[in-house]
Protein backbone atom coordinates (compact mmCIF):
# COMPACT_ATOMS: atom_id res chain seq x y z
CA MET A 1 -0.07 0.13 -0.21
CA GLU A 2 1.12 3.29 -1.18
CA ILE A 3 0.04 6.18 0.80
CA GLU A 4 1.56 9.81 0.23
CA PHE A 5 1.76 12.15 2.85
CA THR A 6 4.45 15.06 3.92
CA TYR A 7 5.71 16.14 7.53
CA ASN A 8 5.37 20.01 5.85
CA THR A 9 1.48 19.68 8.15
CA LEU A 10 -0.19 17.58 10.16
CA SER A 11 -2.94 17.58 8.43
CA SER A 12 -1.73 15.77 5.58
CA LEU A 13 -0.32 12.94 7.86
CA ILE A 14 -4.13 12.57 9.18
CA ALA A 15 -5.67 12.77 6.12
CA ALA A 16 -3.41 10.16 4.92
CA ALA A 17 -4.33 7.72 7.68
CA GLU A 18 -7.87 8.21 7.62
CA LYS A 19 -7.65 7.57 4.01
CA SER A 20 -6.15 4.10 4.50
CA GLY A 21 -7.86 3.25 7.25
CA LEU A 22 -4.03 2.42 9.04
CA PRO A 23 -2.65 4.13 12.61
CA VAL A 24 -0.32 7.18 12.45
CA SER A 25 2.25 5.27 13.80
CA ARG A 26 1.93 2.12 10.93
CA LEU A 27 1.94 4.77 7.96
CA VAL A 28 5.10 6.72 10.00
CA LEU A 29 6.78 3.17 10.07
CA MET A 30 6.10 2.46 6.60
CA GLN A 31 7.38 5.56 5.38
CA GLN A 32 10.48 5.73 7.51
CA ALA A 33 11.70 2.45 6.53
CA GLU A 34 11.05 3.54 2.54
CA GLN A 35 12.90 6.22 2.91
CA MET A 36 16.05 5.06 4.65
CA GLU A 37 15.78 1.97 2.76
CA LEU A 38 15.33 -0.77 5.55
CA SER A 39 13.32 -3.14 6.86
CA GLU A 40 10.21 -2.23 8.71
CA ASP A 41 11.65 -4.76 11.42
CA GLU A 42 15.23 -2.86 11.67
CA ILE A 43 13.26 1.10 11.55
CA TYR A 44 10.97 -0.83 14.63
CA ARG A 45 13.79 -2.55 16.68
CA HIS A 46 15.79 0.90 16.54
CA MET A 47 12.78 2.29 18.17
CA GLU A 48 12.33 -0.44 20.38
CA GLU A 49 16.15 0.18 21.72
CA THR A 50 14.97 4.12 22.23
CA TYR A 51 12.23 3.26 24.65
CA ARG A 52 13.92 0.93 26.58
CA VAL A 53 17.05 3.75 27.10
CA MET A 54 13.73 5.48 27.92
CA ALA A 55 12.15 3.45 30.85
CA SER A 56 16.10 2.39 32.25
CA CYS A 57 16.07 6.13 33.46
CA ILE A 58 13.16 5.41 35.96
CA GLU A 59 14.85 4.00 38.57
CA PRO A 60 17.83 5.63 38.98
CA GLY A 61 16.17 8.29 38.35
CA CYS A 62 14.17 7.71 41.46
CA ALA A 63 17.35 7.05 43.57
CA PRO A 64 16.72 9.39 47.18
CA ASP A 65 19.87 10.16 47.07
CA LEU A 66 20.26 11.57 43.23
CA ARG A 67 21.67 15.07 42.53
CA SER A 68 22.39 17.22 39.74
CA THR A 69 26.46 18.34 39.00
CA SER A 70 25.35 21.55 40.11
CA GLY A 71 23.69 20.58 43.39
CA LEU A 72 20.95 22.55 42.63
CA THR A 73 18.53 19.66 42.05
CA GLY A 74 17.69 16.38 42.95
CA GLY A 75 15.52 14.08 44.88
CA SER A 76 11.91 14.93 43.83
CA ALA A 77 11.17 12.09 41.53
CA TYR A 78 11.88 10.08 44.89
CA LYS A 79 9.83 12.00 46.72
CA MET A 80 6.85 12.24 43.97
CA SER A 81 7.15 7.88 43.54
CA GLN A 82 6.86 7.55 47.26
CA VAL A 83 3.55 9.42 47.62
CA SER A 84 2.41 7.78 44.12
CA LYS A 85 3.01 4.30 45.48
CA SER A 86 1.71 4.49 48.75
CA GLY A 87 -1.98 5.64 47.62
CA ARG A 88 -1.58 9.00 48.98
CA SER A 89 -1.50 10.79 45.73
CA LEU A 90 -4.18 13.04 45.14
CA THR A 91 -4.60 12.70 41.65
CA GLY A 92 -4.23 8.66 41.67
CA SER A 93 -1.47 6.49 40.51
CA LEU A 94 -1.72 7.53 36.82
CA LEU A 95 -1.14 11.33 37.10
CA SER A 96 0.57 10.86 40.15
CA GLY A 97 2.92 7.71 37.75
CA ALA A 98 3.54 9.76 34.94
CA LEU A 99 4.68 13.23 37.16
CA TYR A 100 7.03 11.08 38.91
CA ARG A 101 8.53 9.63 36.17
CA ALA A 102 8.89 12.77 34.25
CA LEU A 103 10.62 14.03 36.96
CA ALA A 104 13.19 10.77 37.25
CA VAL A 105 14.13 11.02 33.46
CA SER A 106 14.81 14.87 33.62
CA GLU A 107 16.84 14.70 37.29
CA LEU A 108 18.78 11.72 35.57
CA ASN A 109 19.17 13.61 33.12
CA ALA A 110 20.37 17.19 35.12
CA SER A 111 23.27 14.55 37.08
CA MET A 112 24.46 13.34 33.74
CA GLY A 113 23.73 10.01 34.67
CA ARG A 114 21.65 9.44 31.25
CA ILE A 115 20.54 12.14 28.14
CA VAL A 116 17.24 11.64 26.82
CA ALA A 117 16.22 14.01 24.17
CA ALA A 118 12.49 13.59 23.50
CA PRO A 119 12.66 15.89 21.71
CA THR A 120 15.54 17.90 23.69
CA ALA A 121 17.54 17.29 26.93
CA GLY A 122 15.11 20.26 28.54
CA SER A 123 11.47 18.35 27.68
CA CYS A 124 13.25 14.86 27.80
CA GLY A 125 11.01 13.52 30.69
CA ILE A 126 7.68 14.37 29.61
CA LEU A 127 7.20 11.55 26.24
CA PRO A 128 8.86 8.96 28.19
CA ALA A 129 6.72 9.62 31.01
CA ALA A 130 3.51 9.72 29.34
CA LEU A 131 3.88 6.11 27.72
CA LEU A 132 5.71 4.16 30.48
CA THR A 133 2.75 5.19 32.64
CA MET A 134 0.53 4.17 29.91
CA GLN A 135 2.17 0.73 30.03
CA GLU A 136 1.87 0.64 33.23
CA GLU A 137 -1.50 1.71 33.99
CA ARG A 138 -3.08 0.28 31.36
CA ASP A 139 -1.39 -3.06 30.93
CA ILE A 140 -0.55 -1.66 27.04
CA PRO A 141 2.26 -3.97 25.34
CA GLU A 142 5.73 -2.72 24.95
CA ARG A 143 4.83 -2.90 21.11
CA ASP A 144 2.29 -0.51 21.11
CA CYS A 145 3.80 1.67 23.21
CA VAL A 146 7.00 1.57 20.82
CA MET A 147 5.04 2.46 17.85
CA ALA A 148 3.30 5.22 19.38
CA LEU A 149 7.01 6.79 19.30
CA PHE A 150 6.35 6.80 15.92
CA THR A 151 3.54 8.80 15.91
CA ALA A 152 4.82 11.53 18.09
CA SER A 153 7.72 11.56 15.83
CA ALA A 154 5.78 12.75 13.38
CA VAL A 155 4.22 15.09 14.78
CA GLY A 156 7.76 16.34 15.91
CA ILE A 157 8.98 16.55 12.71
CA VAL A 158 5.85 18.68 11.61
CA ILE A 159 6.25 20.79 14.91
CA ALA A 160 10.38 21.38 13.89
CA ASN A 161 9.42 21.85 10.13
CA ASN A 162 6.94 24.55 10.70
CA ALA A 163 8.15 26.37 13.95
CA SER A 164 11.07 24.86 16.35
CA LEU A 165 12.05 22.64 19.10
CA ALA A 166 14.73 24.66 20.55
CA GLY A 167 14.41 27.08 23.36
CA ALA A 168 17.00 29.11 22.36
CA GLN A 169 14.30 29.74 19.31
CA GLY A 170 11.23 30.18 20.41
CA GLY A 171 11.23 29.45 24.28
CA CYS A 172 9.98 26.89 26.80
CA GLN A 173 6.79 26.58 24.73
CA ALA A 174 8.82 24.92 21.50
CA GLU A 175 10.46 22.25 23.84
CA CYS A 176 7.87 20.87 26.74
CA GLY A 177 5.21 22.48 24.31
CA SER A 178 6.58 20.34 21.63
CA ALA A 179 6.73 17.23 23.99
CA ALA A 180 3.61 17.59 25.73
CA ALA A 181 2.04 17.81 21.75
CA MET A 182 4.24 14.61 21.05
CA ALA A 183 3.05 12.74 23.90
CA ALA A 184 -0.80 13.68 23.36
CA ALA A 185 -0.93 12.43 20.40
CA ALA A 186 0.74 8.77 21.61
CA ILE A 187 -1.02 8.81 24.56
CA THR A 188 -4.40 9.67 22.39
CA GLU A 189 -3.60 6.87 19.73
CA LEU A 190 -2.47 4.41 22.53
CA ALA A 191 -6.16 4.95 24.02
CA GLY A 192 -7.38 3.85 20.82
CA GLY A 193 -8.40 7.77 19.44
CA THR A 194 -9.04 8.19 15.71
CA PRO A 195 -6.48 10.42 13.73
CA ALA A 196 -8.74 13.45 14.02
CA MET A 197 -8.63 12.83 17.91
CA ILE A 198 -5.05 12.83 17.80
CA SER A 199 -5.00 16.36 15.71
CA HIS A 200 -6.90 17.78 18.61
CA ALA A 201 -4.81 16.59 21.33
CA VAL A 202 -1.77 18.15 19.78
CA ALA A 203 -4.07 21.59 19.17
CA ILE A 204 -5.21 21.41 22.91
CA ALA A 205 -1.72 20.42 24.25
CA LEU A 206 -0.01 23.53 22.60
CA LYS A 207 -2.55 26.06 22.94
CA ASN A 208 -2.32 25.64 27.15
CA ILE A 209 1.60 26.18 26.80
CA LEU A 210 1.48 28.94 24.47
CA GLY A 211 3.75 31.72 24.87
CA LEU A 212 5.58 29.78 28.08
CA VAL A 213 9.58 31.57 28.03
CA CYS A 214 12.71 29.75 28.64
CA ASP A 215 14.22 30.76 31.54
CA PRO A 216 16.68 28.57 33.12
CA VAL A 217 18.47 29.88 36.66
CA ALA A 218 22.20 30.00 35.86
CA GLY A 219 21.96 28.29 32.41
CA LEU A 220 21.39 25.27 33.43
CA VAL A 221 18.35 22.89 32.45
CA GLU A 222 17.10 22.18 35.86
CA ILE A 223 14.95 25.25 37.25
CA PRO A 224 12.67 25.47 36.16
CA CYS A 225 12.78 22.86 33.87
CA ILE A 226 12.54 19.40 35.52
CA LYS A 227 9.02 20.39 37.22
CA ARG A 228 7.77 21.72 33.82
CA ASN A 229 8.57 18.03 32.81
CA ALA A 230 5.91 16.99 35.50
CA SER A 231 3.56 20.12 34.35
CA GLY A 232 4.24 19.28 30.54
CA VAL A 233 3.25 15.32 30.95
CA ALA A 234 0.03 16.33 33.04
CA GLY A 235 -1.16 18.86 30.67
CA ALA A 236 -0.65 15.77 27.77
CA PHE A 237 -3.01 13.42 29.24
CA VAL A 238 -5.31 16.78 30.07
CA ALA A 239 -5.20 17.11 26.36
CA ALA A 240 -5.51 13.66 25.41
CA GLU A 241 -8.58 13.03 27.64
CA LEU A 242 -10.48 15.71 26.49
CA ALA A 243 -9.74 14.54 22.61
CA LEU A 244 -10.71 11.12 23.56
CA ALA A 245 -13.85 12.43 24.48
CA GLY A 246 -14.89 14.12 21.31
CA ILE A 247 -13.78 17.70 22.19
CA GLU A 248 -12.53 19.51 19.50
CA SER A 249 -10.37 22.20 18.96
CA ALA A 250 -11.41 25.57 17.64
CA ILE A 251 -7.93 26.30 15.94
CA PRO A 252 -6.41 23.57 13.72
CA ALA A 253 -3.03 22.00 15.46
CA ASP A 254 -1.72 23.12 11.93
CA GLU A 255 -2.60 26.75 12.93
CA VAL A 256 -1.24 26.80 16.65
CA ILE A 257 1.63 25.80 15.55
CA TRP A 258 2.05 28.27 13.20
CA ALA A 259 0.57 30.72 16.07
CA MET A 260 3.59 28.94 18.28
CA LYS A 261 5.98 29.64 15.55
CA LYS A 262 4.68 33.75 15.70
CA VAL A 263 4.55 33.92 19.38
CA GLY A 264 8.34 32.42 19.30
CA ASP A 265 9.63 35.08 16.97
CA THR A 266 8.36 38.18 19.02
CA MET A 267 9.70 36.87 22.53
CA PRO A 268 12.52 39.00 23.92
CA THR A 269 15.43 37.49 23.54
CA ALA A 270 15.64 37.68 27.20
CA LEU A 271 13.21 34.91 27.64
CA LYS A 272 14.62 32.52 25.41
CA GLU A 273 17.32 30.72 27.48
CA THR A 274 19.53 33.16 27.99
CA ALA A 275 19.09 33.06 31.80
CA GLU A 276 18.31 37.15 31.41
CA GLY A 277 14.65 37.17 32.37
CA GLY A 278 12.34 35.61 34.33
CA LEU A 279 13.05 33.55 36.94
CA ALA A 280 16.44 33.43 35.89
CA ALA A 281 16.94 37.35 37.03
CA THR A 282 15.03 37.11 40.01
CA PRO A 283 17.19 37.54 43.59
CA THR A 284 16.78 33.95 44.21
CA GLY A 285 18.01 33.17 40.61
CA ARG A 286 21.07 35.44 40.50
CA ARG A 287 22.00 33.96 44.35
CA LEU A 288 21.72 30.29 43.08
CA HIS A 289 23.77 31.44 39.78
CA GLU A 290 26.39 32.68 42.27
CA GLN A 291 26.38 29.59 44.34
CA VAL A 292 27.21 27.17 41.16
CA PHE A 293 29.32 29.67 39.50
CA GLY A 294 30.60 31.98 41.45
CA THR A 295 30.85 35.95 41.55
CA ALA A 296 31.48 37.99 37.96
CA ALA A 297 34.97 38.84 40.67
CA ASP A 298 35.39 35.41 39.87
CA GLY A 299 35.34 35.43 36.20
CA LEU A 300 32.46 32.95 35.87
CA THR A 301 29.61 34.55 33.64
CA GLY A 302 27.08 31.55 33.32
CA GLY A 303 27.04 28.15 32.07
CA CYS A 304 25.99 26.69 28.88
CA ALA A 305 22.37 26.68 28.22
CA ALA A 306 22.46 23.61 26.35
CA CYS A 307 23.71 20.78 29.60
CA GLY A 308 25.36 23.38 31.76
CA GLY A 309 28.07 21.52 32.18
CA CYS A 310 30.82 23.80 32.54
CA PRO A 311 30.63 27.96 32.77
CA SER A 312 32.33 29.87 30.46
CA ARG A 313 35.40 32.54 31.24
């Protein structure tokens, strides 16, 4: 079966899925295998390996003594996991489970234990948390979760082609927003949603995080990034739940992506990963910067926003 579609618009992908009667993930797998001149099984195995890397982050990410290289963050995933597993969560095991998994991947990333870009390091916990929680809570086979990664990836490609995935270009809406949209699409497919529902879930997820700035304290992907990963996966479940109920976005997904691009273009530079505005510019944010890198008198001017691995001089 040959179904033509592009990654220039989400509507093209959704129309192809509806025409073929196949899940979005299946179409993407077929197209990628043809484009890369590899078998579908080879492409699937590569994605399966990626999924298992994500899964391998949860246990070490929940270690009680885990701390980032800067010392600013760590231990939140452990606290949230204890609440979730004890049954004391306000929101139940599904949402609390997603929260601690998002924190776990993010905190392990900050500790340089395992770098997972999904689609970026700053938003690395959202998609893994969504899929792993669906697998655990809904007893979904691993294969279905791996396939859902193809759906999420397609959404990410469309966003990258029309807007941005980088906080330095579009603010945190481009990172955590895109990850939330990708996760919402994956959740919707896993829950049996139609291709149209996937599109609405993407639109709702992006609308709910539109305009979010990127303001990493001390230029590190830790504060507020890690907690925004928890918020992002919660938003993904909200978007999927609404879409699965038949609630539609008044603004089509492709137009929401366009709007995100326009918002990012007009966002001040101080709010795009420069650590010059927002939370990074608060008195506490500046104090934490000095705590990690020293004062200006020491010749330290900040860390690299990409990974925070070393100060620049």
